[in-house]
N, C-alpha and C. Protein backbone atom coordinates (compact mmCIF):
# COMPACT_ATOMS: atom_id res chain seq x y z
N MET A 1 -71.51 11.36 -19.03
CA MET A 1 -70.11 11.55 -19.48
C MET A 1 -69.22 12.05 -18.37
N ARG A 2 -69.87 12.97 -17.68
CA ARG A 2 -69.10 13.48 -16.55
C ARG A 2 -68.70 12.42 -15.58
N PHE A 3 -69.66 11.58 -15.27
CA PHE A 3 -69.51 10.54 -14.32
C PHE A 3 -68.44 9.50 -14.68
N SER A 4 -68.42 9.23 -16.02
CA SER A 4 -67.33 8.33 -16.47
C SER A 4 -66.00 8.92 -16.41
N GLY A 5 -65.91 10.21 -16.67
CA GLY A 5 -64.60 10.92 -16.45
C GLY A 5 -64.10 10.86 -15.07
N TYR A 6 -65.19 10.99 -14.16
CA TYR A 6 -64.83 11.05 -12.67
C TYR A 6 -64.28 9.61 -12.28
N ARG A 7 -64.97 8.53 -12.72
CA ARG A 7 -64.51 7.12 -12.51
C ARG A 7 -63.10 6.95 -13.12
N HIS A 8 -62.80 7.40 -14.29
CA HIS A 8 -61.60 7.22 -14.92
C HIS A 8 -60.54 7.93 -13.98
N GLY A 9 -60.83 9.13 -13.45
CA GLY A 9 -59.87 9.85 -12.63
C GLY A 9 -59.70 9.04 -11.34
N LEU A 10 -60.74 8.44 -10.78
CA LEU A 10 -60.67 7.73 -9.54
C LEU A 10 -59.71 6.49 -9.77
N ARG A 11 -59.93 5.81 -10.88
CA ARG A 11 -59.08 4.59 -11.24
C ARG A 11 -57.62 5.16 -11.30
N ARG A 12 -57.43 6.21 -11.96
CA ARG A 12 -56.14 6.71 -12.13
C ARG A 12 -55.51 7.08 -10.80
N MET A 13 -56.23 7.67 -9.90
CA MET A 13 -55.87 8.07 -8.58
C MET A 13 -55.40 6.84 -7.80
N ARG A 14 -56.28 5.85 -7.89
CA ARG A 14 -56.02 4.71 -7.15
C ARG A 14 -54.69 3.93 -7.65
N TRP A 15 -54.54 3.91 -8.92
CA TRP A 15 -53.33 3.23 -9.59
C TRP A 15 -52.14 4.06 -9.28
N HIS A 16 -52.30 5.42 -9.33
CA HIS A 16 -51.12 6.42 -8.84
C HIS A 16 -50.66 6.18 -7.43
N SER A 17 -51.80 5.98 -6.51
CA SER A 17 -51.53 5.81 -5.15
C SER A 17 -50.86 4.45 -4.97
N ALA A 18 -51.37 3.46 -5.60
CA ALA A 18 -50.65 2.19 -5.39
C ALA A 18 -49.29 2.15 -5.94
N TRP A 19 -49.00 2.82 -7.01
CA TRP A 19 -47.69 2.90 -7.60
C TRP A 19 -46.82 3.73 -6.62
N SER A 20 -47.32 4.72 -6.01
CA SER A 20 -46.54 5.53 -5.11
C SER A 20 -46.22 4.75 -3.91
N ILE A 21 -47.08 4.02 -3.36
CA ILE A 21 -46.72 3.18 -2.23
C ILE A 21 -45.65 2.17 -2.60
N CYS A 22 -45.80 1.52 -3.73
CA CYS A 22 -44.84 0.56 -4.23
C CYS A 22 -43.46 1.15 -4.45
N ALA A 23 -43.51 2.33 -4.95
CA ALA A 23 -42.19 3.01 -5.19
C ALA A 23 -41.50 3.40 -3.87
N GLU A 24 -42.29 3.80 -2.89
CA GLU A 24 -41.72 4.07 -1.57
C GLU A 24 -41.16 2.85 -0.90
N TRP A 25 -41.85 1.79 -1.05
CA TRP A 25 -41.29 0.49 -0.47
C TRP A 25 -40.05 0.08 -1.18
N LEU A 26 -40.10 0.17 -2.53
CA LEU A 26 -38.77 -0.26 -3.19
C LEU A 26 -37.62 0.76 -2.87
N TRP A 27 -37.91 2.00 -2.66
CA TRP A 27 -36.91 3.01 -2.29
C TRP A 27 -36.40 2.66 -0.89
N LEU A 28 -37.26 2.36 -0.08
CA LEU A 28 -36.85 1.95 1.36
C LEU A 28 -36.02 0.64 1.38
N ILE A 29 -36.38 -0.37 0.55
CA ILE A 29 -35.63 -1.68 0.50
C ILE A 29 -34.31 -1.37 -0.03
N GLY A 30 -34.31 -0.62 -1.19
CA GLY A 30 -32.97 -0.22 -1.73
C GLY A 30 -32.10 0.47 -0.86
N TYR A 31 -32.60 1.49 -0.11
CA TYR A 31 -31.83 2.23 0.78
C TYR A 31 -31.27 1.30 1.78
N ILE A 32 -32.05 0.47 2.47
CA ILE A 32 -31.57 -0.43 3.49
C ILE A 32 -30.56 -1.36 2.88
N TRP A 33 -30.68 -1.86 1.66
CA TRP A 33 -29.68 -2.79 1.14
C TRP A 33 -28.39 -1.98 0.86
N ILE A 34 -28.42 -0.81 0.33
CA ILE A 34 -27.20 -0.08 0.02
C ILE A 34 -26.50 0.29 1.40
N MET A 35 -27.20 0.70 2.39
CA MET A 35 -26.62 0.96 3.70
C MET A 35 -25.97 -0.20 4.32
N GLY A 36 -26.71 -1.32 4.20
CA GLY A 36 -26.24 -2.54 4.75
C GLY A 36 -24.93 -3.06 4.05
N SER A 37 -25.02 -2.80 2.77
CA SER A 37 -23.70 -3.22 2.00
C SER A 37 -22.50 -2.18 2.39
N ALA A 38 -22.87 -1.06 2.54
CA ALA A 38 -21.83 0.03 2.79
C ALA A 38 -21.27 -0.28 4.17
N LEU A 39 -22.13 -0.55 5.16
CA LEU A 39 -21.67 -0.84 6.43
C LEU A 39 -20.88 -2.08 6.58
N THR A 40 -21.24 -3.10 5.96
CA THR A 40 -20.43 -4.40 6.01
C THR A 40 -19.23 -4.25 5.25
N GLY A 41 -19.15 -3.41 4.18
CA GLY A 41 -17.95 -3.16 3.40
C GLY A 41 -16.93 -2.49 4.15
N CYS A 42 -17.25 -1.63 5.13
CA CYS A 42 -16.32 -0.98 5.90
C CYS A 42 -15.59 -1.86 6.97
N ARG A 43 -16.19 -3.05 7.18
CA ARG A 43 -15.57 -3.85 8.14
C ARG A 43 -14.68 -4.87 7.30
N LYS A 44 -13.43 -4.38 7.28
CA LYS A 44 -12.47 -5.29 6.50
C LYS A 44 -11.79 -6.20 7.49
N GLU A 45 -11.81 -7.49 7.09
CA GLU A 45 -11.10 -8.42 7.90
C GLU A 45 -9.61 -8.25 7.81
N ALA A 46 -8.88 -8.39 8.91
CA ALA A 46 -7.43 -8.25 8.99
C ALA A 46 -6.86 -9.30 8.17
N ALA A 47 -6.01 -8.80 7.14
CA ALA A 47 -5.37 -9.77 6.19
C ALA A 47 -4.19 -10.39 6.98
N GLU A 48 -3.87 -11.55 6.64
CA GLU A 48 -2.84 -12.23 7.33
C GLU A 48 -1.41 -11.80 6.86
N THR A 49 -0.64 -11.48 7.86
CA THR A 49 0.66 -11.00 7.56
C THR A 49 1.66 -12.10 7.69
N ILE A 50 2.59 -12.25 6.71
CA ILE A 50 3.56 -13.42 6.67
C ILE A 50 4.95 -12.77 6.75
N ALA A 51 5.71 -13.11 7.86
CA ALA A 51 7.12 -12.55 7.93
C ALA A 51 7.87 -13.20 6.89
N ILE A 52 8.74 -12.37 6.28
CA ILE A 52 9.68 -12.90 5.13
C ILE A 52 11.05 -12.97 5.64
N GLU A 53 11.67 -14.11 5.42
CA GLU A 53 13.11 -14.33 5.75
C GLU A 53 13.86 -13.51 4.74
N TYR A 54 14.88 -12.84 5.33
CA TYR A 54 15.78 -12.05 4.45
C TYR A 54 17.22 -11.92 4.88
N SER A 55 18.03 -11.57 4.00
CA SER A 55 19.54 -11.48 4.40
C SER A 55 19.93 -10.02 4.02
N MET A 56 20.74 -9.38 4.95
CA MET A 56 21.25 -8.11 4.62
C MET A 56 22.47 -8.32 3.80
N CYS A 57 22.68 -7.54 2.71
CA CYS A 57 23.84 -7.72 1.78
C CYS A 57 24.74 -6.56 1.91
N GLU A 58 26.02 -6.79 1.96
CA GLU A 58 27.05 -5.80 1.76
C GLU A 58 27.24 -5.51 0.26
N SER A 59 27.99 -4.55 -0.12
CA SER A 59 28.14 -4.25 -1.49
C SER A 59 28.82 -5.40 -2.26
N GLY A 60 29.77 -6.11 -1.59
CA GLY A 60 30.45 -7.23 -2.33
C GLY A 60 29.51 -8.38 -2.56
N GLN A 61 28.40 -8.55 -1.88
CA GLN A 61 27.42 -9.67 -2.07
C GLN A 61 26.39 -9.41 -3.23
N LEU A 62 26.40 -8.21 -3.73
CA LEU A 62 25.38 -7.78 -4.70
C LEU A 62 25.87 -8.12 -6.12
N PRO A 63 24.80 -8.37 -7.05
CA PRO A 63 25.29 -8.56 -8.42
C PRO A 63 25.93 -7.28 -8.95
N ARG A 64 26.80 -7.33 -9.89
CA ARG A 64 27.53 -6.20 -10.42
C ARG A 64 26.66 -5.18 -10.98
N GLU A 65 25.69 -5.54 -11.66
CA GLU A 65 24.77 -4.60 -12.31
C GLU A 65 24.04 -3.82 -11.22
N LEU A 66 23.51 -4.45 -10.19
CA LEU A 66 22.84 -3.80 -9.09
C LEU A 66 23.89 -2.87 -8.42
N SER A 67 25.01 -3.24 -8.09
CA SER A 67 26.03 -2.36 -7.50
C SER A 67 26.19 -1.04 -8.44
N ALA A 68 26.37 -1.16 -9.63
CA ALA A 68 26.39 -0.09 -10.54
C ALA A 68 25.11 0.90 -10.46
N ILE A 69 23.99 0.26 -10.35
CA ILE A 69 22.78 1.12 -10.27
C ILE A 69 22.82 1.85 -8.94
N ILE A 70 23.24 1.20 -7.90
CA ILE A 70 23.30 1.82 -6.54
C ILE A 70 24.24 3.03 -6.65
N GLU A 71 25.42 2.80 -7.24
CA GLU A 71 26.53 3.80 -7.30
C GLU A 71 26.00 5.04 -8.05
N SER A 72 25.25 4.75 -9.13
CA SER A 72 24.72 5.88 -9.95
C SER A 72 23.53 6.71 -9.14
N LYS A 73 22.91 6.06 -8.30
CA LYS A 73 21.72 6.69 -7.60
C LYS A 73 22.04 7.20 -6.21
N LYS A 74 23.20 6.85 -5.70
CA LYS A 74 23.54 7.10 -4.30
C LYS A 74 23.42 8.56 -3.73
N ASP A 75 23.61 9.55 -4.65
CA ASP A 75 23.57 10.93 -4.21
C ASP A 75 22.24 11.40 -3.65
N GLN A 76 21.13 10.83 -4.26
CA GLN A 76 19.77 11.13 -3.91
C GLN A 76 19.12 9.98 -3.23
N PRO A 77 18.12 10.23 -2.34
CA PRO A 77 17.28 9.08 -1.88
C PRO A 77 16.71 8.35 -2.91
N PHE A 78 16.64 6.99 -2.80
CA PHE A 78 16.13 6.10 -3.75
C PHE A 78 15.55 4.75 -3.21
N ARG A 79 14.81 4.15 -3.93
CA ARG A 79 14.08 2.93 -3.64
C ARG A 79 14.08 2.04 -4.91
N LEU A 80 14.40 0.86 -4.81
CA LEU A 80 14.39 0.00 -6.03
C LEU A 80 14.35 -1.53 -5.60
N SER A 81 13.83 -2.22 -6.47
CA SER A 81 13.85 -3.77 -6.41
C SER A 81 14.52 -4.24 -7.63
N TYR A 82 15.36 -5.34 -7.49
CA TYR A 82 16.10 -5.93 -8.54
C TYR A 82 16.00 -7.39 -8.46
N ARG A 83 15.62 -8.10 -9.57
CA ARG A 83 15.36 -9.47 -9.49
C ARG A 83 16.39 -10.14 -10.38
N THR A 84 16.90 -11.28 -9.85
CA THR A 84 17.67 -12.33 -10.54
C THR A 84 16.81 -13.52 -10.60
N SER A 85 17.42 -14.61 -11.26
CA SER A 85 16.67 -15.88 -11.29
C SER A 85 16.46 -16.58 -9.84
N GLN A 86 17.31 -16.21 -8.91
CA GLN A 86 17.24 -16.84 -7.69
C GLN A 86 16.68 -15.90 -6.61
N TYR A 87 16.93 -14.57 -6.73
CA TYR A 87 16.69 -13.71 -5.54
C TYR A 87 16.07 -12.41 -6.10
N THR A 88 15.39 -11.70 -5.16
CA THR A 88 14.94 -10.32 -5.36
C THR A 88 15.66 -9.52 -4.28
N TYR A 89 16.27 -8.41 -4.82
CA TYR A 89 16.99 -7.46 -3.95
C TYR A 89 16.07 -6.29 -3.71
N ILE A 90 15.92 -5.85 -2.49
CA ILE A 90 15.18 -4.71 -2.19
C ILE A 90 16.25 -3.68 -1.59
N VAL A 91 16.41 -2.53 -2.21
CA VAL A 91 17.44 -1.55 -1.80
C VAL A 91 16.74 -0.19 -1.57
N ILE A 92 17.05 0.25 -0.35
CA ILE A 92 16.67 1.60 0.04
C ILE A 92 17.78 2.56 0.36
N GLY A 93 18.02 3.48 -0.39
CA GLY A 93 19.12 4.53 -0.14
C GLY A 93 18.61 5.87 0.40
N TYR A 94 19.36 6.42 1.34
CA TYR A 94 18.95 7.68 1.92
C TYR A 94 19.71 8.95 1.32
N GLY A 95 20.40 8.72 0.29
CA GLY A 95 21.16 9.84 -0.29
C GLY A 95 22.35 10.33 0.54
N MET A 96 22.94 11.33 0.00
CA MET A 96 24.11 11.95 0.73
C MET A 96 23.82 12.40 2.11
N GLN A 97 24.54 11.97 3.14
CA GLN A 97 24.39 12.37 4.56
C GLN A 97 25.66 13.10 4.92
N PRO A 98 25.52 14.40 5.41
CA PRO A 98 26.75 15.13 5.79
C PRO A 98 27.35 14.81 7.11
N ARG A 99 27.25 13.62 7.51
CA ARG A 99 27.92 13.17 8.78
C ARG A 99 28.12 11.59 8.65
N GLY A 100 29.08 11.18 9.38
CA GLY A 100 29.43 9.79 9.45
C GLY A 100 28.64 9.00 10.39
N GLY A 101 28.80 7.69 10.40
CA GLY A 101 28.13 6.88 11.38
C GLY A 101 26.64 6.63 11.17
N CYS A 102 26.18 6.88 10.04
CA CYS A 102 24.74 6.63 9.62
C CYS A 102 24.63 5.17 9.06
N GLN A 103 23.49 4.53 9.48
CA GLN A 103 23.21 3.23 8.98
C GLN A 103 21.66 3.14 8.79
N VAL A 104 21.39 2.25 7.90
CA VAL A 104 19.94 1.98 7.62
C VAL A 104 19.56 0.73 8.43
N VAL A 105 18.38 0.80 9.09
CA VAL A 105 17.89 -0.40 9.76
C VAL A 105 16.63 -0.80 9.24
N VAL A 106 16.49 -2.15 8.94
CA VAL A 106 15.18 -2.71 8.41
C VAL A 106 14.38 -3.03 9.59
N GLU A 107 13.33 -2.28 9.80
CA GLU A 107 12.46 -2.51 11.05
C GLU A 107 11.41 -3.59 10.86
N ASP A 108 10.94 -3.72 9.49
CA ASP A 108 9.84 -4.73 9.35
C ASP A 108 9.89 -5.13 7.80
N LEU A 109 9.78 -6.44 7.55
CA LEU A 109 9.59 -6.91 6.18
C LEU A 109 8.60 -8.04 6.22
N TYR A 110 7.45 -7.91 5.49
CA TYR A 110 6.41 -8.91 5.62
C TYR A 110 5.63 -8.86 4.29
N GLU A 111 4.87 -9.91 4.03
CA GLU A 111 3.96 -10.10 2.97
C GLU A 111 2.63 -10.02 3.47
N GLN A 112 1.78 -9.27 2.69
CA GLN A 112 0.35 -9.07 3.08
C GLN A 112 -0.48 -8.73 1.83
N ASP A 113 -1.51 -9.41 1.54
CA ASP A 113 -2.44 -9.17 0.33
C ASP A 113 -1.61 -9.22 -0.85
N GLY A 114 -0.70 -10.16 -1.01
CA GLY A 114 0.04 -10.30 -2.23
C GLY A 114 1.05 -9.32 -2.52
N MET A 115 1.47 -8.49 -1.52
CA MET A 115 2.46 -7.53 -1.74
C MET A 115 3.45 -7.61 -0.57
N ILE A 116 4.65 -7.13 -0.87
CA ILE A 116 5.76 -7.13 0.14
C ILE A 116 5.88 -5.70 0.80
N TYR A 117 5.90 -5.63 2.13
CA TYR A 117 6.03 -4.32 2.75
C TYR A 117 7.38 -4.33 3.46
N ILE A 118 8.04 -3.23 3.23
CA ILE A 118 9.32 -3.00 4.07
C ILE A 118 9.37 -1.62 4.74
N THR A 119 9.78 -1.65 5.95
CA THR A 119 9.92 -0.44 6.81
C THR A 119 11.38 -0.32 7.16
N THR A 120 11.92 0.84 6.78
CA THR A 120 13.31 1.08 7.16
C THR A 120 13.44 2.45 7.93
N ASN A 121 14.63 2.60 8.63
CA ASN A 121 14.83 3.79 9.38
C ASN A 121 16.28 4.14 9.30
N LEU A 122 16.59 5.39 9.17
CA LEU A 122 17.95 5.93 9.12
C LEU A 122 18.36 6.30 10.59
N ILE A 123 19.37 5.69 11.05
CA ILE A 123 19.90 6.07 12.42
C ILE A 123 21.37 6.46 12.35
N GLY A 124 21.73 7.32 13.30
CA GLY A 124 22.96 7.83 13.21
C GLY A 124 23.50 8.03 14.70
N GLU A 125 24.80 8.26 14.77
CA GLU A 125 25.37 8.42 16.12
C GLU A 125 24.85 9.80 16.72
N ARG A 126 24.82 9.87 18.08
CA ARG A 126 24.46 11.08 18.74
C ARG A 126 25.49 11.65 19.53
N GLY A 127 25.23 12.96 19.79
CA GLY A 127 26.16 13.68 20.78
C GLY A 127 27.50 13.90 20.28
N GLU A 128 28.43 13.63 21.06
CA GLU A 128 29.88 13.86 20.68
C GLU A 128 30.44 12.83 19.62
N GLN A 129 29.68 11.69 19.58
CA GLN A 129 30.21 10.75 18.60
C GLN A 129 29.97 11.05 17.16
N VAL A 130 29.08 12.07 16.84
CA VAL A 130 28.72 12.38 15.47
C VAL A 130 30.02 12.95 14.75
N ARG A 131 30.32 12.36 13.57
CA ARG A 131 31.51 12.78 12.77
C ARG A 131 31.01 13.73 11.72
N LEU A 132 31.26 14.94 11.92
CA LEU A 132 30.80 15.90 10.84
C LEU A 132 31.73 16.10 9.69
N ASP A 133 32.92 15.53 9.75
CA ASP A 133 33.90 15.66 8.83
C ASP A 133 33.81 14.58 7.69
N GLU A 134 32.84 13.66 7.77
CA GLU A 134 32.68 12.63 6.82
C GLU A 134 31.34 12.64 6.11
N ILE A 135 31.27 12.41 4.84
CA ILE A 135 30.01 12.33 4.06
C ILE A 135 29.89 10.79 3.74
N THR A 136 28.63 10.39 4.03
CA THR A 136 28.19 8.96 3.77
C THR A 136 27.07 8.83 2.88
N TYR A 137 26.81 7.70 2.28
CA TYR A 137 25.69 7.36 1.47
C TYR A 137 25.10 6.10 1.89
N PRO A 138 24.41 6.23 3.02
CA PRO A 138 23.88 4.92 3.64
C PRO A 138 22.69 4.31 2.77
N TYR A 139 22.80 3.04 2.64
CA TYR A 139 21.64 2.25 2.04
C TYR A 139 21.59 0.82 2.72
N ALA A 140 20.47 0.30 2.48
CA ALA A 140 20.20 -1.10 2.85
C ALA A 140 19.90 -1.99 1.68
N ALA A 141 20.55 -3.04 1.53
CA ALA A 141 20.13 -4.00 0.50
C ALA A 141 19.70 -5.33 1.10
N VAL A 142 18.46 -5.79 0.88
CA VAL A 142 17.96 -6.89 1.43
C VAL A 142 17.71 -7.88 0.37
N ARG A 143 18.07 -9.16 0.58
CA ARG A 143 17.88 -10.24 -0.35
C ARG A 143 16.84 -11.25 0.14
N ILE A 144 15.88 -11.46 -0.70
CA ILE A 144 14.82 -12.40 -0.40
C ILE A 144 14.63 -13.40 -1.58
N GLU A 145 13.91 -14.37 -1.37
CA GLU A 145 13.65 -15.43 -2.47
C GLU A 145 13.04 -14.63 -3.61
N ALA A 146 13.23 -15.07 -4.92
CA ALA A 146 12.80 -14.38 -6.07
C ALA A 146 11.22 -14.36 -6.12
N THR A 147 10.77 -13.16 -6.36
CA THR A 147 9.32 -12.99 -6.33
C THR A 147 8.95 -11.90 -7.37
N ASP A 148 7.68 -11.99 -7.85
CA ASP A 148 7.20 -11.02 -8.80
C ASP A 148 6.22 -9.98 -8.04
N GLN A 149 6.10 -10.11 -6.67
CA GLN A 149 5.28 -9.38 -5.97
C GLN A 149 5.73 -7.82 -5.93
N THR A 150 4.70 -6.90 -5.82
CA THR A 150 5.01 -5.51 -5.64
C THR A 150 5.60 -5.20 -4.31
N VAL A 151 6.69 -4.33 -4.25
CA VAL A 151 7.17 -3.94 -3.02
C VAL A 151 6.70 -2.59 -2.65
N VAL A 152 6.21 -2.41 -1.38
CA VAL A 152 5.70 -1.21 -0.87
C VAL A 152 6.72 -0.70 0.21
N TYR A 153 7.18 0.45 0.01
CA TYR A 153 8.25 0.97 0.94
C TYR A 153 7.57 1.85 1.90
N ARG A 154 7.87 1.70 3.18
CA ARG A 154 7.34 2.58 4.18
C ARG A 154 8.40 3.32 5.00
């Protein structure tokens, strides 16, 4: 009786050892697979950037409704896009500036990964040319072909 119990325990030990080795191998293979996936996932291929043709618009060239929206928002910095059947207007306002001679410059406008990216900068006169007696509300209005893509402001 004792002997059979010993044999049963041996079989159990052998099975347990085999399972243990199998589990270790499975764990090692899983670890290698996960690490390999993580490392290759970190290597993102550079997405293609496509330059977008655009026109800068003066206030007289904008749709009336858009001009009214800009007028209502001009005191504070704002960003908005406005779409008509033909064009999408991207507008970036820098709010009230306590000096004259400020203007908004579009540094970059491109499409990447199905989104439109725009980078602008507020520049002003320097030195003695700065007019402190004037308050301005600088903004840039850019007109592009009509699109439903998301605009990312930088």
